[in-house]
Amino acid sequence: NEHLIIFPNPNTGSFTAEINLQTKEKVVLKVYNSRGQLFRRFVFEAGETKKEIDTTKWSKGTYHCILEQNSKKLTWKKIVVE
């Protein structure tokens, strides 16, 4: 079961992050840059399942997305911005 789906990947300006969780609590998507520094943080409120994320101002490269709930890591994905 995929908790986090990211498409398109690689992307050239935006991507969709979709979460597949049965939860009544918020979930946080943390994006880290290639140096392992926290770069962006997106909060999915209870019941929210999709976010369009604009990457036009991001540097090209690889980022790591970690999906967390109550500070517990649920899953991670690598994304590429071209």
C-alpha atoms as a PDB file:
ATOM      1  CA  ASN A   1       0.000   0.000   0.000  1.00  0.00           C
ATOM      2  CA  GLU A   2       1.475   3.302  -1.127  1.00  0.00           C
ATOM      3  CA  HIS A   3       1.002   6.014   1.506  1.00  0.00           C
ATOM      4  CA  LEU A   4       2.567   8.668  -0.754  1.00  0.00           C
ATOM      5  CA  ILE A   5       2.288   9.044  -4.515  1.00  0.00           C
ATOM      6  CA  ILE A   6       4.227  11.777  -6.316  1.00  0.00           C
ATOM      7  CA  PHE A   7       3.707  12.599  -9.988  1.00  0.00           C
ATOM      8  CA  PRO A   8       5.089  13.561 -12.398  1.00  0.00           C
ATOM      9  CA  ASN A   9       8.562  12.538 -11.315  1.00  0.00           C
ATOM     10  CA  PRO A  10      10.843  13.960 -12.568  1.00  0.00           C
ATOM     11  CA  ASN A  11       9.015  17.286 -12.877  1.00  0.00           C
ATOM     12  CA  THR A  12       9.759  20.635 -14.476  1.00  0.00           C
ATOM     13  CA  GLY A  13       7.646  23.111 -12.523  1.00  0.00           C
ATOM     14  CA  SER A  14       5.201  21.345 -10.252  1.00  0.00           C
ATOM     15  CA  PHE A  15       4.174  17.974  -8.920  1.00  0.00           C
ATOM     16  CA  THR A  16       1.190  16.476  -7.178  1.00  0.00           C
ATOM     17  CA  ALA A  17       1.651  14.833  -3.800  1.00  0.00           C
ATOM     18  CA  GLU A  18      -1.166  12.457  -2.998  1.00  0.00           C
ATOM     19  CA  ILE A  19      -1.545  10.645   0.301  1.00  0.00           C
ATOM     20  CA  ASN A  20      -3.461   7.447   0.765  1.00  0.00           C
ATOM     21  CA  LEU A  21      -4.168   7.173   4.482  1.00  0.00           C
ATOM     22  CA  GLN A  22      -7.273   6.568   6.525  1.00  0.00           C
ATOM     23  CA  THR A  23      -6.697   9.131   9.247  1.00  0.00           C
ATOM     24  CA  LYS A  24      -8.463  11.883  11.100  1.00  0.00           C
ATOM     25  CA  GLU A  25      -5.195  13.605  12.003  1.00  0.00           C
ATOM     26  CA  LYS A  26      -2.951  15.911  10.035  1.00  0.00           C
ATOM     27  CA  VAL A  27       0.029  14.527   8.147  1.00  0.00           C
ATOM     28  CA  VAL A  28       3.212  16.451   7.317  1.00  0.00           C
ATOM     29  CA  LEU A  29       5.227  16.127   4.121  1.00  0.00           C
ATOM     30  CA  LYS A  30       8.788  17.296   4.737  1.00  0.00           C
ATOM     31  CA  VAL A  31      11.041  17.963   1.757  1.00  0.00           C
ATOM     32  CA  TYR A  32      14.807  17.796   2.253  1.00  0.00           C
ATOM     33  CA  ASN A  33      17.434  19.035  -0.195  1.00  0.00           C
ATOM     34  CA  SER A  34      20.425  17.009  -1.402  1.00  0.00           C
ATOM     35  CA  ARG A  35      22.434  18.150   1.647  1.00  0.00           C
ATOM     36  CA  GLY A  36      19.837  16.713   4.003  1.00  0.00           C
ATOM     37  CA  GLN A  37      18.524  20.109   5.134  1.00  0.00           C
ATOM     38  CA  LEU A  38      14.808  20.636   5.655  1.00  0.00           C
ATOM     39  CA  PHE A  39      13.768  22.672   2.622  1.00  0.00           C
ATOM     40  CA  ARG A  40       9.954  22.810   2.665  1.00  0.00           C
ATOM     41  CA  ARG A  41       7.128  21.566   4.864  1.00  0.00           C
ATOM     42  CA  PHE A  42       3.569  20.910   3.693  1.00  0.00           C
ATOM     43  CA  VAL A  43       0.717  20.061   6.045  1.00  0.00           C
ATOM     44  CA  PHE A  44      -2.178  17.884   4.941  1.00  0.00           C
ATOM     45  CA  GLU A  45      -5.092  18.638   7.230  1.00  0.00           C
ATOM     46  CA  ALA A  46      -7.411  15.790   8.273  1.00  0.00           C
ATOM     47  CA  GLY A  47      -9.289  14.612   5.198  1.00  0.00           C
ATOM     48  CA  GLU A  48      -6.990  16.390   2.717  1.00  0.00           C
ATOM     49  CA  THR A  49      -5.449  13.944   0.259  1.00  0.00           C
ATOM     50  CA  LYS A  50      -3.813  16.001  -2.511  1.00  0.00           C
ATOM     51  CA  LYS A  51      -1.530  19.001  -2.897  1.00  0.00           C
ATOM     52  CA  GLU A  52      -0.169  20.694  -6.006  1.00  0.00           C
ATOM     53  CA  ILE A  53       3.373  21.756  -5.204  1.00  0.00           C
ATOM     54  CA  ASP A  54       5.047  24.463  -7.263  1.00  0.00           C
ATOM     55  CA  THR A  55       8.743  23.818  -7.899  1.00  0.00           C
ATOM     56  CA  THR A  56       9.461  26.685 -10.332  1.00  0.00           C
ATOM     57  CA  LYS A  57      11.662  28.484  -7.756  1.00  0.00           C
ATOM     58  CA  TRP A  58      13.415  25.310  -6.569  1.00  0.00           C
ATOM     59  CA  SER A  59      16.949  24.488  -7.687  1.00  0.00           C
ATOM     60  CA  LYS A  60      17.270  21.608 -10.120  1.00  0.00           C
ATOM     61  CA  GLY A  61      18.229  18.374  -8.418  1.00  0.00           C
ATOM     62  CA  THR A  62      17.082  15.564  -6.184  1.00  0.00           C
ATOM     63  CA  TYR A  63      14.931  16.044  -3.088  1.00  0.00           C
ATOM     64  CA  HIS A  64      13.769  13.583  -0.469  1.00  0.00           C
ATOM     65  CA  CYS A  65      10.167  13.668   0.711  1.00  0.00           C
ATOM     66  CA  ILE A  66       9.309  12.187   4.084  1.00  0.00           C
ATOM     67  CA  LEU A  67       5.708  11.709   5.148  1.00  0.00           C
ATOM     68  CA  GLU A  68       5.238  11.969   8.916  1.00  0.00           C
ATOM     69  CA  GLN A  69       2.374  11.717  11.334  1.00  0.00           C
ATOM     70  CA  ASN A  70       2.862  12.582  15.015  1.00  0.00           C
ATOM     71  CA  SER A  71       6.646  12.769  14.343  1.00  0.00           C
ATOM     72  CA  LYS A  72       6.629   9.159  13.109  1.00  0.00           C
ATOM     73  CA  LYS A  73       7.985   8.500   9.618  1.00  0.00           C
ATOM     74  CA  LEU A  74       5.448   6.701   7.451  1.00  0.00           C
ATOM     75  CA  THR A  75       7.282   6.593   4.139  1.00  0.00           C
ATOM     76  CA  TRP A  76       9.736   8.475   1.938  1.00  0.00           C
ATOM     77  CA  LYS A  77      10.175   9.159  -1.758  1.00  0.00           C
ATOM     78  CA  LYS A  78      12.839  10.729  -3.889  1.00  0.00           C
ATOM     79  CA  ILE A  79      11.789  13.425  -6.374  1.00  0.00           C
ATOM     80  CA  VAL A  80      13.745  15.061  -9.159  1.00  0.00           C
ATOM     81  CA  VAL A  81      13.266  18.655 -10.292  1.00  0.00           C
ATOM     82  CA  GLU A  82      14.611  19.297 -13.794  1.00  0.00           C
END
